Structures are given as structure tokens and as C-alpha cells.
Protein backbone atom coordinates (compact mmCIF):
# COMPACT_ATOMS: atom_id res chain seq x y z
CA UNK A 1 -25.28 -25.95 -109.27
CA UNK A 2 -21.87 -24.51 -110.11
CA UNK A 3 -19.13 -25.81 -107.85
CA UNK A 4 -17.24 -22.51 -107.82
CA UNK A 5 -18.65 -18.98 -107.80
CA UNK A 6 -17.99 -17.09 -111.00
CA UNK A 7 -15.82 -13.99 -110.86
CA UNK A 8 -17.50 -10.60 -110.90
CA UNK A 9 -18.45 -9.43 -114.37
CA UNK A 10 -16.38 -6.50 -115.61
CA UNK A 11 -19.06 -4.77 -117.69
CA UNK A 12 -22.67 -3.78 -117.08
CA UNK A 13 -23.77 -5.84 -120.06
CA UNK A 14 -22.09 -8.98 -118.72
CA UNK A 15 -23.56 -8.47 -115.24
CA UNK A 16 -27.03 -7.80 -116.65
CA UNK A 17 -26.90 -10.90 -118.87
CA UNK A 18 -25.90 -13.09 -115.93
CA UNK A 19 -28.68 -11.56 -113.84
CA UNK A 20 -31.19 -12.23 -116.61
CA UNK A 21 -30.07 -15.87 -116.83
CA UNK A 22 -30.34 -16.32 -113.05
CA UNK A 23 -33.90 -14.99 -113.10
CA UNK A 24 -34.81 -17.24 -116.05
CA UNK A 25 -33.42 -20.28 -114.23
CA UNK A 26 -35.43 -19.46 -111.12
CA UNK A 27 -38.61 -18.92 -113.14
CA UNK A 28 -38.07 -21.95 -115.37
CA UNK A 29 -38.96 -24.47 -112.81
CA UNK A 30 -37.89 -27.10 -110.43
CA UNK A 31 -34.60 -26.41 -108.72
CA UNK A 32 -33.53 -27.96 -105.49
CA UNK A 33 -33.78 -25.71 -102.47
CA UNK A 34 -30.02 -25.15 -102.17
CA UNK A 35 -29.67 -24.45 -105.89
CA UNK A 36 -32.61 -22.03 -105.84
CA UNK A 37 -31.12 -20.18 -102.86
CA UNK A 38 -27.73 -20.02 -104.60
CA UNK A 39 -29.36 -18.62 -107.77
CA UNK A 40 -31.29 -16.06 -105.69
CA UNK A 41 -28.15 -14.97 -103.85
CA UNK A 42 -26.26 -14.66 -107.14
CA UNK A 43 -29.13 -12.66 -108.63
CA UNK A 44 -29.20 -10.26 -105.68
CA UNK A 45 -25.43 -9.80 -105.87
CA UNK A 46 -25.63 -9.12 -109.60
CA UNK A 47 -28.56 -6.70 -109.15
CA UNK A 48 -26.52 -4.72 -106.61
CA UNK A 49 -23.53 -4.73 -108.95
CA UNK A 50 -25.67 -3.49 -111.86
CA UNK A 51 -27.09 -0.71 -109.68
CA UNK A 52 -23.60 0.33 -108.57
CA UNK A 53 -22.42 0.42 -112.19
CA UNK A 54 -25.43 2.52 -113.21
CA UNK A 55 -24.87 4.90 -110.28
CA UNK A 56 -21.24 5.40 -111.34
CA UNK A 57 -22.31 6.02 -114.94
CA UNK A 58 -24.86 8.60 -113.78
CA UNK A 59 -22.21 10.45 -111.76
CA UNK A 60 -19.90 10.49 -114.77
CA UNK A 61 -22.66 11.92 -116.96
CA UNK A 62 -23.48 14.59 -114.39
CA UNK A 63 -19.82 15.63 -114.32
CA UNK A 64 -19.69 15.82 -118.11
CA UNK A 65 -22.90 17.83 -118.28
CA UNK A 66 -21.53 20.36 -115.77
CA UNK A 67 -18.40 21.01 -117.83
CA UNK A 68 -18.35 24.29 -119.76
CA UNK A 69 -19.23 23.85 -123.42
CA UNK A 70 -20.78 20.43 -122.86
CA UNK A 71 -24.23 21.47 -124.08
CA UNK A 72 -25.70 20.79 -120.65
CA UNK A 73 -28.57 22.61 -118.96
CA UNK A 74 -26.59 25.83 -118.50
CA UNK A 75 -27.87 28.69 -120.63
């Protein structure tokens, strides 16, 4: 188990990769209880972070699509 928590990832891709690795480690096999709980907690934190990043990206896209001349749904 890592002695210190890692800082928050700054990009979606970094957060998603760390989440994927946490899931793989949990699925791979025998971890001690404390290590498994720490991996689960980290995975949940990263999943929330990924969702927040995706939500912000969706809002940005909605704003762009509403702008005149953006080629959005307005006709």
C-alpha cells in the first residue's frame, strides 16, 4: 500500500487510468483488508472525479452548441 496518497490527477485521462489500475488491482487477487479498502476508497474518489470532469465537459459543449453559428440544433 502506498504510504502517501497521490495528488489529484489534473486530466480526465490521468484520472481514468488511475481508476482502471485500482480496479485491476482489486480484481487481480489477494490484497490485505486494509489495502483492499484503501484501493476501493481511491477508486470511488477517482470515479467521482471522472464524473465531475465529464459533467464539466458536457456543460462546456452545451454552451458551445448554443452559440450562434456553432452548427448546433438551431435551424
